[in-house]
C-alpha cells in the first residue's frame, strides 16, 4: 500500500489499531496518519474508545486461545 487515500486508510484503521495489518500496510497507514489530521483524529477516537472500555472492564484481559 502506497499513496493511500483517506478513504482507504479509514477502511483499515481498525485493523491498524489492532496491529492486524502486514508490516508494509502498517507502515503505509502509519505514514498517512502522521501527515493527515483527519485520519489521525479518527485513530485517536479509536484509541479513546479502547481506553474507555478498559476502564469500565478492569481485570479483563484479551482472549487467548
PDB file of N, CA and C in Angstrom:
ATOM      1  N   UNK A   1       0.841  -1.178   0.000  1.00  0.00           N
ATOM      2  CA  UNK A   1       0.000   0.000   0.000  1.00  0.00           C
ATOM      3  C   UNK A   1       0.885   1.240   0.000  1.00  0.00           C
ATOM      4  N   UNK A   2       0.756   2.043  -1.002  1.00  0.00           N
ATOM      5  CA  UNK A   2       1.472   3.314  -1.013  1.00  0.00           C
ATOM      6  C   UNK A   2       0.542   4.399  -1.511  1.00  0.00           C
ATOM      7  N   UNK A   3       0.796   5.632  -1.132  1.00  0.00           N
ATOM      8  CA  UNK A   3      -0.024   6.733  -1.563  1.00  0.00           C
ATOM      9  C   UNK A   3      -1.492   6.545  -1.234  1.00  0.00           C
ATOM     10  N   UNK A   4      -1.777   6.182  -0.013  1.00  0.00           N
ATOM     11  CA  UNK A   4      -3.140   5.860   0.389  1.00  0.00           C
ATOM     12  C   UNK A   4      -4.030   7.096   0.481  1.00  0.00           C
ATOM     13  N   UNK A   5      -5.260   6.932   0.075  1.00  0.00           N
ATOM     14  CA  UNK A   5      -6.251   7.982   0.246  1.00  0.00           C
ATOM     15  C   UNK A   5      -6.835   7.864   1.656  1.00  0.00           C
ATOM     16  N   UNK A   6      -7.482   8.935   2.081  1.00  0.00           N
ATOM     17  CA  UNK A   6      -8.138   8.903   3.390  1.00  0.00           C
ATOM     18  C   UNK A   6      -9.191   7.802   3.422  1.00  0.00           C
ATOM     19  N   UNK A   7      -9.900   7.629   2.345  1.00  0.00           N
ATOM     20  CA  UNK A   7     -10.935   6.599   2.282  1.00  0.00           C
ATOM     21  C   UNK A   7     -10.342   5.207   2.504  1.00  0.00           C
ATOM     22  N   UNK A   8      -9.212   4.929   1.862  1.00  0.00           N
ATOM     23  CA  UNK A   8      -8.557   3.631   2.022  1.00  0.00           C
ATOM     24  C   UNK A   8      -8.057   3.443   3.451  1.00  0.00           C
ATOM     25  N   UNK A   9      -7.503   4.494   4.021  1.00  0.00           N
ATOM     26  CA  UNK A   9      -6.980   4.410   5.390  1.00  0.00           C
ATOM     27  C   UNK A   9      -8.117   4.175   6.374  1.00  0.00           C
ATOM     28  N   UNK A  10      -9.216   4.876   6.197  1.00  0.00           N
ATOM     29  CA  UNK A  10     -10.340   4.729   7.128  1.00  0.00           C
ATOM     30  C   UNK A  10     -10.928   3.334   7.107  1.00  0.00           C
ATOM     31  N   UNK A  11     -10.846   2.672   5.953  1.00  0.00           N
ATOM     32  CA  UNK A  11     -11.356   1.299   5.871  1.00  0.00           C
ATOM     33  C   UNK A  11     -10.502   0.331   6.689  1.00  0.00           C
ATOM     34  N   UNK A  12      -9.245   0.677   6.918  1.00  0.00           N
ATOM     35  CA  UNK A  12      -8.394  -0.276   7.647  1.00  0.00           C
ATOM     36  C   UNK A  12      -7.863   0.287   8.968  1.00  0.00           C
ATOM     37  N   UNK A  13      -8.449   1.358   9.472  1.00  0.00           N
ATOM     38  CA  UNK A  13      -7.982   1.910  10.746  1.00  0.00           C
ATOM     39  C   UNK A  13      -8.184   0.946  11.911  1.00  0.00           C
ATOM     40  N   UNK A  14      -9.291   0.219  11.920  1.00  0.00           N
ATOM     41  CA  UNK A  14      -9.497  -0.762  13.000  1.00  0.00           C
ATOM     42  C   UNK A  14      -8.388  -1.801  12.995  1.00  0.00           C
ATOM     43  N   UNK A  15      -8.086  -2.341  11.834  1.00  0.00           N
ATOM     44  CA  UNK A  15      -7.029  -3.347  11.725  1.00  0.00           C
ATOM     45  C   UNK A  15      -5.671  -2.747  12.064  1.00  0.00           C
ATOM     46  N   UNK A  16      -5.448  -1.500  11.659  1.00  0.00           N
ATOM     47  CA  UNK A  16      -4.197  -0.816  12.005  1.00  0.00           C
ATOM     48  C   UNK A  16      -4.085  -0.683  13.519  1.00  0.00           C
ATOM     49  N   UNK A  17      -5.147  -0.222  14.142  1.00  0.00           N
ATOM     50  CA  UNK A  17      -5.159  -0.048  15.597  1.00  0.00           C
ATOM     51  C   UNK A  17      -4.897  -1.367  16.318  1.00  0.00           C
ATOM     52  N   UNK A  18      -5.464  -2.444  15.794  1.00  0.00           N
ATOM     53  CA  UNK A  18      -5.306  -3.765  16.410  1.00  0.00           C
ATOM     54  C   UNK A  18      -4.050  -4.495  15.947  1.00  0.00           C
ATOM     55  N   UNK A  19      -3.245  -3.842  15.125  1.00  0.00           N
ATOM     56  CA  UNK A  19      -1.983  -4.401  14.600  1.00  0.00           C
ATOM     57  C   UNK A  19      -2.211  -5.699  13.836  1.00  0.00           C
ATOM     58  N   UNK A  20      -3.264  -5.693  13.038  1.00  0.00           N
ATOM     59  CA  UNK A  20      -3.619  -6.867  12.248  1.00  0.00           C
ATOM     60  C   UNK A  20      -3.169  -6.761  10.796  1.00  0.00           C
ATOM     61  N   UNK A  21      -2.581  -5.636  10.412  1.00  0.00           N
ATOM     62  CA  UNK A  21      -2.126  -5.448   9.037  1.00  0.00           C
ATOM     63  C   UNK A  21      -0.723  -6.005   8.870  1.00  0.00           C
ATOM     64  N   UNK A  22      -0.362  -6.251   7.623  1.00  0.00           N
ATOM     65  CA  UNK A  22       1.019  -6.639   7.348  1.00  0.00           C
ATOM     66  C   UNK A  22       1.933  -5.476   7.720  1.00  0.00           C
ATOM     67  N   UNK A  23       3.206  -5.759   7.862  1.00  0.00           N
ATOM     68  CA  UNK A  23       4.156  -4.712   8.239  1.00  0.00           C
ATOM     69  C   UNK A  23       4.148  -3.584   7.211  1.00  0.00           C
ATOM     70  N   UNK A  24       4.133  -3.925   5.934  1.00  0.00           N
ATOM     71  CA  UNK A  24       4.125  -2.906   4.881  1.00  0.00           C
ATOM     72  C   UNK A  24       2.881  -2.030   4.977  1.00  0.00           C
ATOM     73  N   UNK A  25       1.730  -2.642   5.242  1.00  0.00           N
ATOM     74  CA  UNK A  25       0.496  -1.877   5.363  1.00  0.00           C
ATOM     75  C   UNK A  25       0.482  -1.039   6.639  1.00  0.00           C
ATOM     76  N   UNK A  26       1.031  -1.581   7.728  1.00  0.00           N
ATOM     77  CA  UNK A  26       1.138  -0.802   8.966  1.00  0.00           C
ATOM     78  C   UNK A  26       1.964   0.455   8.717  1.00  0.00           C
ATOM     79  N   UNK A  27       3.064   0.309   8.008  1.00  0.00           N
ATOM     80  CA  UNK A  27       3.938   1.452   7.715  1.00  0.00           C
ATOM     81  C   UNK A  27       3.212   2.471   6.845  1.00  0.00           C
ATOM     82  N   UNK A  28       2.521   1.987   5.813  1.00  0.00           N
ATOM     83  CA  UNK A  28       1.820   2.892   4.897  1.00  0.00           C
ATOM     84  C   UNK A  28       0.701   3.652   5.601  1.00  0.00           C
ATOM     85  N   UNK A  29      -0.091   2.945   6.390  1.00  0.00           N
ATOM     86  CA  UNK A  29      -1.183   3.601   7.106  1.00  0.00           C
ATOM     87  C   UNK A  29      -0.610   4.562   8.151  1.00  0.00           C
ATOM     88  N   UNK A  30       0.422   4.125   8.856  1.00  0.00           N
ATOM     89  CA  UNK A  30       1.055   4.984   9.860  1.00  0.00           C
ATOM     90  C   UNK A  30       1.610   6.259   9.251  1.00  0.00           C
ATOM     91  N   UNK A  31       2.227   6.147   8.079  1.00  0.00           N
ATOM     92  CA  UNK A  31       2.759   7.326   7.400  1.00  0.00           C
ATOM     93  C   UNK A  31       1.635   8.278   7.006  1.00  0.00           C
ATOM     94  N   UNK A  32       0.528   7.728   6.545  1.00  0.00           N
ATOM     95  CA  UNK A  32      -0.611   8.564   6.176  1.00  0.00           C
ATOM     96  C   UNK A  32      -1.164   9.278   7.408  1.00  0.00           C
ATOM     97  N   UNK A  33      -1.336   8.533   8.483  1.00  0.00           N
ATOM     98  CA  UNK A  33      -1.895   9.105   9.715  1.00  0.00           C
ATOM     99  C   UNK A  33      -0.976  10.197  10.257  1.00  0.00           C
ATOM    100  N   UNK A  34       0.327  10.028  10.090  1.00  0.00           N
ATOM    101  CA  UNK A  34       1.282  11.034  10.566  1.00  0.00           C
ATOM    102  C   UNK A  34       1.112  12.372   9.861  1.00  0.00           C
ATOM    103  N   UNK A  35       0.638  12.350   8.631  1.00  0.00           N
ATOM    104  CA  UNK A  35       0.528  13.601   7.875  1.00  0.00           C
ATOM    105  C   UNK A  35      -0.915  14.064   7.651  1.00  0.00           C
ATOM    106  N   UNK A  36      -1.893  13.282   8.085  1.00  0.00           N
ATOM    107  CA  UNK A  36      -3.297  13.629   7.851  1.00  0.00           C
ATOM    108  C   UNK A  36      -4.012  13.835   9.189  1.00  0.00           C
ATOM    109  N   UNK A  37      -4.369  15.064   9.465  1.00  0.00           N
ATOM    110  CA  UNK A  37      -5.010  15.376  10.743  1.00  0.00           C
ATOM    111  C   UNK A  37      -6.365  14.688  10.905  1.00  0.00           C
ATOM    112  N   UNK A  38      -7.130  14.585   9.814  1.00  0.00           N
ATOM    113  CA  UNK A  38      -8.447  13.950   9.906  1.00  0.00           C
ATOM    114  C   UNK A  38      -8.338  12.469  10.262  1.00  0.00           C
ATOM    115  N   UNK A  39      -7.458  11.757   9.598  1.00  0.00           N
ATOM    116  CA  UNK A  39      -7.281  10.327   9.891  1.00  0.00           C
ATOM    117  C   UNK A  39      -6.649  10.131  11.271  1.00  0.00           C
ATOM    118  N   UNK A  40      -5.753  11.028  11.657  1.00  0.00           N
ATOM    119  CA  UNK A  40      -5.155  10.955  12.990  1.00  0.00           C
ATOM    120  C   UNK A  40      -6.233  11.136  14.057  1.00  0.00           C
ATOM    121  N   UNK A  41      -7.191  12.024  13.797  1.00  0.00           N
ATOM    122  CA  UNK A  41      -8.281  12.237  14.750  1.00  0.00           C
ATOM    123  C   UNK A  41      -9.154  10.993  14.864  1.00  0.00           C
ATOM    124  N   UNK A  42      -9.403  10.334  13.757  1.00  0.00           N
ATOM    125  CA  UNK A  42     -10.203   9.093  13.807  1.00  0.00           C
ATOM    126  C   UNK A  42      -9.467   8.004  14.575  1.00  0.00           C
ATOM    127  N   UNK A  43      -8.164   7.916  14.373  1.00  0.00           N
ATOM    128  CA  UNK A  43      -7.382   6.934  15.119  1.00  0.00           C
ATOM    129  C   UNK A  43      -7.394   7.271  16.606  1.00  0.00           C
ATOM    130  N   UNK A  44      -7.317   8.540  16.932  1.00  0.00           N
ATOM    131  CA  UNK A  44      -7.376   8.957  18.337  1.00  0.00           C
ATOM    132  C   UNK A  44      -8.716   8.566  18.951  1.00  0.00           C
ATOM    133  N   UNK A  45      -9.793   8.673  18.179  1.00  0.00           N
ATOM    134  CA  UNK A  45     -11.110   8.253  18.668  1.00  0.00           C
ATOM    135  C   UNK A  45     -11.126   6.758  18.966  1.00  0.00           C
ATOM    136  N   UNK A  46     -10.535   5.962  18.080  1.00  0.00           N
ATOM    137  CA  UNK A  46     -10.458   4.511  18.323  1.00  0.00           C
ATOM    138  C   UNK A  46      -9.689   4.218  19.603  1.00  0.00           C
ATOM    139  N   UNK A  47      -8.594   4.914  19.778  1.00  0.00           N
ATOM    140  CA  UNK A  47      -7.786   4.712  20.982  1.00  0.00           C
ATOM    141  C   UNK A  47      -8.550   5.128  22.231  1.00  0.00           C
ATOM    142  N   UNK A  48      -9.315   6.208  22.137  1.00  0.00           N
ATOM    143  CA  UNK A  48     -10.105   6.674  23.284  1.00  0.00           C
ATOM    144  C   UNK A  48     -11.193   5.662  23.644  1.00  0.00           C
ATOM    145  N   UNK A  49     -11.831   5.082  22.648  1.00  0.00           N
ATOM    146  CA  UNK A  49     -12.851   4.061  22.902  1.00  0.00           C
ATOM    147  C   UNK A  49     -12.212   2.854  23.586  1.00  0.00           C
ATOM    148  N   UNK A  50     -11.061   2.433  23.091  1.00  0.00           N
ATOM    149  CA  UNK A  50     -10.361   1.307  23.709  1.00  0.00           C
ATOM    150  C   UNK A  50      -9.998   1.594  25.155  1.00  0.00           C
ATOM    151  N   UNK A  51      -9.522   2.801  25.412  1.00  0.00           N
ATOM    152  CA  UNK A  51      -9.158   3.176  26.783  1.00  0.00           C
ATOM    153  C   UNK A  51     -10.393   3.199  27.672  1.00  0.00           C
ATOM    154  N   UNK A  52     -11.497   3.712  27.157  1.00  0.00           N
ATOM    155  CA  UNK A  52     -12.738   3.753  27.947  1.00  0.00           C
ATOM    156  C   UNK A  52     -13.221   2.341  28.269  1.00  0.00           C
ATOM    157  N   UNK A  53     -13.147   1.461  27.307  1.00  0.00           N
ATOM    158  CA  UNK A  53     -13.570   0.074  27.540  1.00  0.00           C
ATOM    159  C   UNK A  53     -12.692  -0.604  28.577  1.00  0.00           C
ATOM    160  N   UNK A  54     -11.398  -0.345  28.515  1.00  0.00           N
ATOM    161  CA  UNK A  54     -10.502  -0.939  29.511  1.00  0.00           C
ATOM    162  C   UNK A  54     -10.777  -0.386  30.902  1.00  0.00           C
ATOM    163  N   UNK A  55     -11.226   0.858  30.972  1.00  0.00           N
ATOM    164  CA  UNK A  55     -11.526   1.489  32.254  1.00  0.00           C
ATOM    165  C   UNK A  55     -12.767   0.878  32.900  1.00  0.00           C
ATOM    166  N   UNK A  56     -13.790   0.622  32.104  1.00  0.00           N
ATOM    167  CA  UNK A  56     -15.032   0.100  32.679  1.00  0.00           C
ATOM    168  C   UNK A  56     -15.005  -1.411  32.869  1.00  0.00           C
ATOM    169  N   UNK A  57     -14.011  -2.069  32.326  1.00  0.00           N
ATOM    170  CA  UNK A  57     -13.906  -3.524  32.490  1.00  0.00           C
ATOM    171  C   UNK A  57     -12.524  -3.888  33.020  1.00  0.00           C
ATOM    172  N   UNK A  58     -12.166  -3.385  34.205  1.00  0.00           N
ATOM    173  CA  UNK A  58     -10.839  -3.678  34.748  1.00  0.00           C
ATOM    174  C   UNK A  58     -10.666  -5.164  35.027  1.00  0.00           C
ATOM    175  N   UNK A  59      -9.476  -5.633  34.848  1.00  0.00           N
ATOM    176  CA  UNK A  59      -9.170  -7.027  35.116  1.00  0.00           C
ATOM    177  C   UNK A  59      -9.526  -7.954  33.980  1.00  0.00           C
ATOM    178  N   UNK A  60     -10.137  -7.425  32.958  1.00  0.00           N
ATOM    179  CA  UNK A  60     -10.496  -8.256  31.802  1.00  0.00           C
ATOM    180  C   UNK A  60      -9.332  -8.226  30.823  1.00  0.00           C
ATOM    181  N   UNK A  61      -8.778  -9.353  30.533  1.00  0.00           N
ATOM    182  CA  UNK A  61      -7.682  -9.437  29.593  1.00  0.00           C
ATOM    183  C   UNK A  61      -8.177  -9.870  28.233  1.00  0.00           C
ATOM    184  N   UNK A  62      -7.300  -9.826  27.287  1.00  0.00           N
ATOM    185  CA  UNK A  62      -7.646 -10.287  25.933  1.00  0.00           C
ATOM    186  C   UNK A  62      -7.847 -11.790  25.961  1.00  0.00           C
ATOM    187  N   UNK A  63      -8.703 -12.257  25.096  1.00  0.00           N
ATOM    188  CA  UNK A  63      -8.926 -13.698  24.994  1.00  0.00           C
ATOM    189  C   UNK A  63      -7.679 -14.375  24.426  1.00  0.00           C
ATOM    190  N   UNK A  64      -7.354 -15.487  24.982  1.00  0.00           N
ATOM    191  CA  UNK A  64      -6.246 -16.291  24.452  1.00  0.00           C
ATOM    192  C   UNK A  64      -6.782 -17.653  24.048  1.00  0.00           C
ATOM    193  N   UNK A  65      -6.216 -18.193  23.051  1.00  0.00           N
ATOM    194  CA  UNK A  65      -6.687 -19.489  22.543  1.00  0.00           C
ATOM    195  C   UNK A  65      -5.649 -20.547  22.755  1.00  0.00           C
TER     196      UNK A  65
END
